[in-house]
Amino acid sequence: MESIRKILQLWDFPPTYFAYGTRDPFVGEFEECIQALEEAGVSVESHVLEGMPHGFGAEGGWIEGYDQWLGSIFAEG
């Protein structure tokens, strides 16, 4: 994990958005990645969707939040 943080600090890593479900088998990996990005100073927005599996597509009501987040990123310039 420490090597990942060092790499992220060297990059100009963009703001990052995560949407994942609590039934996704990769929940732990999402959480580790989010933690590493935040510790490297990267702006992270995450939405955890209760009961959703991996590959939920447009279900779960996450698209509106993503659209608002993306709009705010572009507004910041």
PDB file of N, CA and C in Angstrom:
ATOM      1  N   MET A   1       0.826  -1.192   0.000  1.00  0.00           N
ATOM      2  CA  MET A   1       0.000   0.000   0.000  1.00  0.00           C
ATOM      3  C   MET A   1       0.870   1.257   0.000  1.00  0.00           C
ATOM      4  N   GLU A   2       1.963   1.249   0.720  1.00  0.00           N
ATOM      5  CA  GLU A   2       2.850   2.414   0.779  1.00  0.00           C
ATOM      6  C   GLU A   2       3.404   2.752  -0.598  1.00  0.00           C
ATOM      7  N   SER A   3       3.771   1.745  -1.382  1.00  0.00           N
ATOM      8  CA  SER A   3       4.304   2.015  -2.721  1.00  0.00           C
ATOM      9  C   SER A   3       3.239   2.635  -3.625  1.00  0.00           C
ATOM     10  N   ILE A   4       1.990   2.226  -3.450  1.00  0.00           N
ATOM     11  CA  ILE A   4       0.904   2.815  -4.234  1.00  0.00           C
ATOM     12  C   ILE A   4       0.756   4.287  -3.889  1.00  0.00           C
ATOM     13  N   ARG A   5       0.806   4.621  -2.597  1.00  0.00           N
ATOM     14  CA  ARG A   5       0.697   6.024  -2.180  1.00  0.00           C
ATOM     15  C   ARG A   5       1.806   6.867  -2.787  1.00  0.00           C
ATOM     16  N   LYS A   6       3.024   6.350  -2.787  1.00  0.00           N
ATOM     17  CA  LYS A   6       4.156   7.097  -3.339  1.00  0.00           C
ATOM     18  C   LYS A   6       3.963   7.354  -4.832  1.00  0.00           C
ATOM     19  N   ILE A   7       3.502   6.352  -5.546  1.00  0.00           N
ATOM     20  CA  ILE A   7       3.254   6.507  -6.987  1.00  0.00           C
ATOM     21  C   ILE A   7       2.172   7.554  -7.228  1.00  0.00           C
ATOM     22  N   LEU A   8       1.092   7.490  -6.457  1.00  0.00           N
ATOM     23  CA  LEU A   8      -0.005   8.436  -6.636  1.00  0.00           C
ATOM     24  C   LEU A   8       0.436   9.865  -6.356  1.00  0.00           C
ATOM     25  N   GLN A   9       1.325  10.041  -5.389  1.00  0.00           N
ATOM     26  CA  GLN A   9       1.801  11.382  -5.062  1.00  0.00           C
ATOM     27  C   GLN A   9       2.658  11.960  -6.186  1.00  0.00           C
ATOM     28  N   LEU A  10       3.300  11.112  -6.959  1.00  0.00           N
ATOM     29  CA  LEU A  10       4.132  11.580  -8.060  1.00  0.00           C
ATOM     30  C   LEU A  10       3.305  11.979  -9.278  1.00  0.00           C
ATOM     31  N   TRP A  11       2.140  11.395  -9.427  1.00  0.00           N
ATOM     32  CA  TRP A  11       1.285  11.681 -10.572  1.00  0.00           C
ATOM     33  C   TRP A  11       0.407  12.886 -10.279  1.00  0.00           C
ATOM     34  N   ASP A  12      -0.040  13.507 -11.335  1.00  0.00           N
ATOM     35  CA  ASP A  12      -1.064  14.537 -11.207  1.00  0.00           C
ATOM     36  C   ASP A  12      -2.398  13.813 -11.364  1.00  0.00           C
ATOM     37  N   PHE A  13      -2.755  13.035 -10.342  1.00  0.00           N
ATOM     38  CA  PHE A  13      -3.923  12.158 -10.421  1.00  0.00           C
ATOM     39  C   PHE A  13      -5.202  12.992 -10.373  1.00  0.00           C
ATOM     40  N   PRO A  14      -6.144  12.748 -11.273  1.00  0.00           N
ATOM     41  CA  PRO A  14      -7.365  13.561 -11.327  1.00  0.00           C
ATOM     42  C   PRO A  14      -8.335  13.215 -10.196  1.00  0.00           C
ATOM     43  N   PRO A  15      -9.283  14.103  -9.927  1.00  0.00           N
ATOM     44  CA  PRO A  15     -10.352  13.756  -8.988  1.00  0.00           C
ATOM     45  C   PRO A  15     -11.010  12.459  -9.458  1.00  0.00           C
ATOM     46  N   THR A  16     -11.399  11.638  -8.502  1.00  0.00           N
ATOM     47  CA  THR A  16     -11.858  10.287  -8.833  1.00  0.00           C
ATOM     48  C   THR A  16     -13.199   9.993  -8.169  1.00  0.00           C
ATOM     49  N   TYR A  17     -14.082   9.346  -8.905  1.00  0.00           N
ATOM     50  CA  TYR A  17     -15.429   9.007  -8.439  1.00  0.00           C
ATOM     51  C   TYR A  17     -15.584   7.487  -8.403  1.00  0.00           C
ATOM     52  N   PHE A  18     -16.102   6.981  -7.290  1.00  0.00           N
ATOM     53  CA  PHE A  18     -16.383   5.551  -7.149  1.00  0.00           C
ATOM     54  C   PHE A  18     -17.862   5.363  -6.833  1.00  0.00           C
ATOM     55  N   ALA A  19     -18.484   4.404  -7.472  1.00  0.00           N
ATOM     56  CA  ALA A  19     -19.826   3.950  -7.119  1.00  0.00           C
ATOM     57  C   ALA A  19     -19.757   2.430  -7.128  1.00  0.00           C
ATOM     58  N   TYR A  20     -20.016   1.836  -5.977  1.00  0.00           N
ATOM     59  CA  TYR A  20     -19.954   0.378  -5.884  1.00  0.00           C
ATOM     60  C   TYR A  20     -20.986  -0.113  -4.884  1.00  0.00           C
ATOM     61  N   GLY A  21     -21.376  -1.361  -5.057  1.00  0.00           N
ATOM     62  CA  GLY A  21     -22.402  -1.942  -4.208  1.00  0.00           C
ATOM     63  C   GLY A  21     -21.828  -2.721  -3.038  1.00  0.00           C
ATOM     64  N   THR A  22     -22.621  -2.834  -1.983  1.00  0.00           N
ATOM     65  CA  THR A  22     -22.185  -3.568  -0.795  1.00  0.00           C
ATOM     66  C   THR A  22     -22.069  -5.067  -1.054  1.00  0.00           C
ATOM     67  N   ARG A  23     -22.680  -5.567  -2.122  1.00  0.00           N
ATOM     68  CA  ARG A  23     -22.576  -6.987  -2.471  1.00  0.00           C
ATOM     69  C   ARG A  23     -21.517  -7.254  -3.531  1.00  0.00           C
ATOM     70  N   ASP A  24     -20.761  -6.241  -3.884  1.00  0.00           N
ATOM     71  CA  ASP A  24     -19.673  -6.392  -4.856  1.00  0.00           C
ATOM     72  C   ASP A  24     -18.543  -7.183  -4.194  1.00  0.00           C
ATOM     73  N   PRO A  25     -18.018  -8.217  -4.852  1.00  0.00           N
ATOM     74  CA  PRO A  25     -16.927  -8.985  -4.244  1.00  0.00           C
ATOM     75  C   PRO A  25     -15.633  -8.180  -4.099  1.00  0.00           C
ATOM     76  N   PHE A  26     -15.578  -6.995  -4.707  1.00  0.00           N
ATOM     77  CA  PHE A  26     -14.365  -6.175  -4.647  1.00  0.00           C
ATOM     78  C   PHE A  26     -14.493  -4.983  -3.702  1.00  0.00           C
ATOM     79  N   VAL A  27     -15.428  -5.034  -2.762  1.00  0.00           N
ATOM     80  CA  VAL A  27     -15.620  -3.929  -1.816  1.00  0.00           C
ATOM     81  C   VAL A  27     -14.305  -3.569  -1.130  1.00  0.00           C
ATOM     82  N   GLY A  28     -13.577  -4.561  -0.660  1.00  0.00           N
ATOM     83  CA  GLY A  28     -12.309  -4.303   0.027  1.00  0.00           C
ATOM     84  C   GLY A  28     -11.308  -3.583  -0.853  1.00  0.00           C
ATOM     85  N   GLU A  29     -11.243  -3.964  -2.104  1.00  0.00           N
ATOM     86  CA  GLU A  29     -10.324  -3.314  -3.034  1.00  0.00           C
ATOM     87  C   GLU A  29     -10.730  -1.866  -3.304  1.00  0.00           C
ATOM     88  N   PHE A  30     -12.027  -1.630  -3.434  1.00  0.00           N
ATOM     89  CA  PHE A  30     -12.498  -0.250  -3.600  1.00  0.00           C
ATOM     90  C   PHE A  30     -12.071   0.590  -2.401  1.00  0.00           C
ATOM     91  N   GLU A  31     -12.304   0.065  -1.196  1.00  0.00           N
ATOM     92  CA  GLU A  31     -11.996   0.818   0.016  1.00  0.00           C
ATOM     93  C   GLU A  31     -10.500   1.073   0.162  1.00  0.00           C
ATOM     94  N   GLU A  32      -9.668   0.099  -0.187  1.00  0.00           N
ATOM     95  CA  GLU A  32      -8.216   0.299  -0.137  1.00  0.00           C
ATOM     96  C   GLU A  32      -7.774   1.362  -1.138  1.00  0.00           C
ATOM     97  N   CYS A  33      -8.341   1.329  -2.324  1.00  0.00           N
ATOM     98  CA  CYS A  33      -7.990   2.304  -3.355  1.00  0.00           C
ATOM     99  C   CYS A  33      -8.416   3.708  -2.932  1.00  0.00           C
ATOM    100  N   ILE A  34      -9.617   3.824  -2.397  1.00  0.00           N
ATOM    101  CA  ILE A  34     -10.108   5.121  -1.922  1.00  0.00           C
ATOM    102  C   ILE A  34      -9.189   5.664  -0.841  1.00  0.00           C
ATOM    103  N   GLN A  35      -8.815   4.821   0.109  1.00  0.00           N
ATOM    104  CA  GLN A  35      -7.932   5.242   1.194  1.00  0.00           C
ATOM    105  C   GLN A  35      -6.579   5.705   0.653  1.00  0.00           C
ATOM    106  N   ALA A  36      -6.002   4.943  -0.258  1.00  0.00           N
ATOM    107  CA  ALA A  36      -4.696   5.306  -0.826  1.00  0.00           C
ATOM    108  C   ALA A  36      -4.774   6.630  -1.578  1.00  0.00           C
ATOM    109  N   LEU A  37      -5.833   6.820  -2.351  1.00  0.00           N
ATOM    110  CA  LEU A  37      -5.997   8.068  -3.092  1.00  0.00           C
ATOM    111  C   LEU A  37      -6.134   9.251  -2.144  1.00  0.00           C
ATOM    112  N   GLU A  38      -6.968   9.103  -1.112  1.00  0.00           N
ATOM    113  CA  GLU A  38      -7.158  10.189  -0.155  1.00  0.00           C
ATOM    114  C   GLU A  38      -5.863  10.517   0.580  1.00  0.00           C
ATOM    115  N   GLU A  39      -5.113   9.494   0.970  1.00  0.00           N
ATOM    116  CA  GLU A  39      -3.851   9.718   1.670  1.00  0.00           C
ATOM    117  C   GLU A  39      -2.814  10.383   0.773  1.00  0.00           C
ATOM    118  N   ALA A  40      -2.965  10.208  -0.539  1.00  0.00           N
ATOM    119  CA  ALA A  40      -2.062  10.849  -1.492  1.00  0.00           C
ATOM    120  C   ALA A  40      -2.541  12.253  -1.862  1.00  0.00           C
ATOM    121  N   GLY A  41      -3.651  12.685  -1.259  1.00  0.00           N
ATOM    122  CA  GLY A  41      -4.150  14.027  -1.508  1.00  0.00           C
ATOM    123  C   GLY A  41      -5.059  14.165  -2.711  1.00  0.00           C
ATOM    124  N   VAL A  42      -5.524  13.041  -3.240  1.00  0.00           N
ATOM    125  CA  VAL A  42      -6.419  13.061  -4.401  1.00  0.00           C
ATOM    126  C   VAL A  42      -7.852  13.292  -3.917  1.00  0.00           C
ATOM    127  N   SER A  43      -8.580  14.135  -4.621  1.00  0.00           N
ATOM    128  CA  SER A  43      -9.988  14.364  -4.313  1.00  0.00           C
ATOM    129  C   SER A  43     -10.786  13.132  -4.736  1.00  0.00           C
ATOM    130  N   VAL A  44     -11.524  12.548  -3.780  1.00  0.00           N
ATOM    131  CA  VAL A  44     -12.282  11.322  -4.046  1.00  0.00           C
ATOM    132  C   VAL A  44     -13.727  11.508  -3.606  1.00  0.00           C
ATOM    133  N   GLU A  45     -14.634  11.103  -4.457  1.00  0.00           N
ATOM    134  CA  GLU A  45     -16.057  11.049  -4.131  1.00  0.00           C
ATOM    135  C   GLU A  45     -16.463   9.590  -4.260  1.00  0.00           C
ATOM    136  N   SER A  46     -17.146   9.055  -3.240  1.00  0.00           N
ATOM    137  CA  SER A  46     -17.571   7.658  -3.333  1.00  0.00           C
ATOM    138  C   SER A  46     -19.017   7.516  -2.877  1.00  0.00           C
ATOM    139  N   HIS A  47     -19.724   6.638  -3.563  1.00  0.00           N
ATOM    140  CA  HIS A  47     -21.100   6.329  -3.226  1.00  0.00           C
ATOM    141  C   HIS A  47     -21.215   4.814  -3.114  1.00  0.00           C
ATOM    142  N   VAL A  48     -21.594   4.359  -1.927  1.00  0.00           N
ATOM    143  CA  VAL A  48     -21.759   2.935  -1.676  1.00  0.00           C
ATOM    144  C   VAL A  48     -23.255   2.642  -1.749  1.00  0.00           C
ATOM    145  N   LEU A  49     -23.609   1.739  -2.641  1.00  0.00           N
ATOM    146  CA  LEU A  49     -25.012   1.431  -2.902  1.00  0.00           C
ATOM    147  C   LEU A  49     -25.409   0.152  -2.175  1.00  0.00           C
ATOM    148  N   GLU A  50     -26.265   0.298  -1.206  1.00  0.00           N
ATOM    149  CA  GLU A  50     -26.696  -0.807  -0.357  1.00  0.00           C
ATOM    150  C   GLU A  50     -27.343  -1.922  -1.173  1.00  0.00           C
ATOM    151  N   GLY A  51     -26.826  -3.139  -0.993  1.00  0.00           N
ATOM    152  CA  GLY A  51     -27.404  -4.324  -1.608  1.00  0.00           C
ATOM    153  C   GLY A  51     -27.091  -4.541  -3.077  1.00  0.00           C
ATOM    154  N   MET A  52     -26.334  -3.633  -3.686  1.00  0.00           N
ATOM    155  CA  MET A  52     -26.055  -3.766  -5.118  1.00  0.00           C
ATOM    156  C   MET A  52     -24.843  -4.670  -5.350  1.00  0.00           C
ATOM    157  N   PRO A  53     -24.908  -5.508  -6.395  1.00  0.00           N
ATOM    158  CA  PRO A  53     -23.794  -6.387  -6.740  1.00  0.00           C
ATOM    159  C   PRO A  53     -22.791  -5.672  -7.647  1.00  0.00           C
ATOM    160  N   HIS A  54     -21.785  -6.396  -8.073  1.00  0.00           N
ATOM    161  CA  HIS A  54     -20.838  -5.887  -9.065  1.00  0.00           C
ATOM    162  C   HIS A  54     -21.554  -5.779 -10.412  1.00  0.00           C
ATOM    163  N   GLY A  55     -21.245  -4.748 -11.173  1.00  0.00           N
ATOM    164  CA  GLY A  55     -21.818  -4.620 -12.511  1.00  0.00           C
ATOM    165  C   GLY A  55     -23.279  -4.229 -12.507  1.00  0.00           C
ATOM    166  N   PHE A  56     -23.660  -3.299 -11.649  1.00  0.00           N
ATOM    167  CA  PHE A  56     -25.062  -2.921 -11.525  1.00  0.00           C
ATOM    168  C   PHE A  56     -25.524  -1.948 -12.604  1.00  0.00           C
ATOM    169  N   GLY A  57     -24.606  -1.455 -13.423  1.00  0.00           N
ATOM    170  CA  GLY A  57     -24.978  -0.565 -14.526  1.00  0.00           C
ATOM    171  C   GLY A  57     -25.595   0.733 -14.050  1.00  0.00           C
ATOM    172  N   ALA A  58     -26.711   1.113 -14.647  1.00  0.00           N
ATOM    173  CA  ALA A  58     -27.359   2.385 -14.326  1.00  0.00           C
ATOM    174  C   ALA A  58     -28.312   2.277 -13.139  1.00  0.00           C
ATOM    175  N   GLU A  59     -28.420   1.107 -12.547  1.00  0.00           N
ATOM    176  CA  GLU A  59     -29.314   0.930 -11.406  1.00  0.00           C
ATOM    177  C   GLU A  59     -28.695   1.532 -10.148  1.00  0.00           C
ATOM    178  N   GLY A  60     -29.502   1.736  -9.143  1.00  0.00           N
ATOM    179  CA  GLY A  60     -29.003   2.157  -7.845  1.00  0.00           C
ATOM    180  C   GLY A  60     -29.029   3.652  -7.601  1.00  0.00           C
ATOM    181  N   GLY A  61     -29.430   4.440  -8.575  1.00  0.00           N
ATOM    182  CA  GLY A  61     -29.578   5.868  -8.372  1.00  0.00           C
ATOM    183  C   GLY A  61     -28.284   6.651  -8.239  1.00  0.00           C
ATOM    184  N   TRP A  62     -27.200   6.151  -8.775  1.00  0.00           N
ATOM    185  CA  TRP A  62     -25.909   6.822  -8.632  1.00  0.00           C
ATOM    186  C   TRP A  62     -25.626   7.845  -9.721  1.00  0.00           C
ATOM    187  N   ILE A  63     -26.325   7.782 -10.840  1.00  0.00           N
ATOM    188  CA  ILE A  63     -25.988   8.625 -11.990  1.00  0.00           C
ATOM    189  C   ILE A  63     -26.203  10.111 -11.693  1.00  0.00           C
ATOM    190  N   GLU A  64     -27.268  10.467 -11.003  1.00  0.00           N
ATOM    191  CA  GLU A  64     -27.511  11.877 -10.687  1.00  0.00           C
ATOM    192  C   GLU A  64     -26.379  12.444  -9.825  1.00  0.00           C
ATOM    193  N   GLY A  65     -25.941  11.689  -8.818  1.00  0.00           N
ATOM    194  CA  GLY A  65     -24.826  12.139  -7.982  1.00  0.00           C
ATOM    195  C   GLY A  65     -23.545  12.283  -8.777  1.00  0.00           C
ATOM    196  N   TYR A  66     -23.306  11.357  -9.686  1.00  0.00           N
ATOM    197  CA  TYR A  66     -22.117  11.437 -10.537  1.00  0.00           C
ATOM    198  C   TYR A  66     -22.183  12.668 -11.433  1.00  0.00           C
ATOM    199  N   ASP A  67     -23.353  12.925 -12.004  1.00  0.00           N
ATOM    200  CA  ASP A  67     -23.527  14.080 -12.879  1.00  0.00           C
ATOM    201  C   ASP A  67     -23.249  15.381 -12.117  1.00  0.00           C
ATOM    202  N   GLN A  68     -23.747  15.480 -10.897  1.00  0.00           N
ATOM    203  CA  GLN A  68     -23.499  16.674 -10.081  1.00  0.00           C
ATOM    204  C   GLN A  68     -22.020  16.805  -9.745  1.00  0.00           C
ATOM    205  N   TRP A  69     -21.390  15.692  -9.373  1.00  0.00           N
ATOM    206  CA  TRP A  69     -19.960  15.707  -9.043  1.00  0.00           C
ATOM    207  C   TRP A  69     -19.144  16.141 -10.258  1.00  0.00           C
ATOM    208  N   LEU A  70     -19.427  15.568 -11.409  1.00  0.00           N
ATOM    209  CA  LEU A  70     -18.685  15.894 -12.621  1.00  0.00           C
ATOM    210  C   LEU A  70     -18.871  17.365 -12.997  1.00  0.00           C
ATOM    211  N   GLY A  71     -20.093  17.856 -12.855  1.00  0.00           N
ATOM    212  CA  GLY A  71     -20.344  19.269 -13.118  1.00  0.00           C
ATOM    213  C   GLY A  71     -19.533  20.170 -12.207  1.00  0.00           C
ATOM    214  N   SER A  72     -19.408  19.785 -10.931  1.00  0.00           N
ATOM    215  CA  SER A  72     -18.626  20.601  -9.995  1.00  0.00           C
ATOM    216  C   SER A  72     -17.138  20.556 -10.329  1.00  0.00           C
ATOM    217  N   ILE A  73     -16.649  19.429 -10.818  1.00  0.00           N
ATOM    218  CA  ILE A  73     -15.238  19.313 -11.206  1.00  0.00           C
ATOM    219  C   ILE A  73     -14.942  20.265 -12.365  1.00  0.00           C
ATOM    220  N   PHE A  74     -15.811  20.271 -13.372  1.00  0.00           N
ATOM    221  CA  PHE A  74     -15.596  21.155 -14.519  1.00  0.00           C
ATOM    222  C   PHE A  74     -15.785  22.623 -14.146  1.00  0.00           C
ATOM    223  N   ALA A  75     -16.680  22.898 -13.198  1.00  0.00           N
ATOM    224  CA  ALA A  75     -16.899  24.280 -12.767  1.00  0.00           C
ATOM    225  C   ALA A  75     -15.668  24.839 -12.049  1.00  0.00           C
ATOM    226  N   GLU A  76     -14.922  23.948 -11.364  1.00  0.00           N
ATOM    227  CA  GLU A  76     -13.707  24.374 -10.660  1.00  0.00           C
ATOM    228  C   GLU A  76     -12.597  24.720 -11.635  1.00  0.00           C
ATOM    229  N   GLY A  77     -12.703  24.194 -12.840  1.00  0.00           N
ATOM    230  CA  GLY A  77     -11.740  24.502 -13.895  1.00  0.00           C
ATOM    231  C   GLY A  77     -10.502  23.725 -13.775  1.00  0.00           C
TER     232      GLY A  77
END
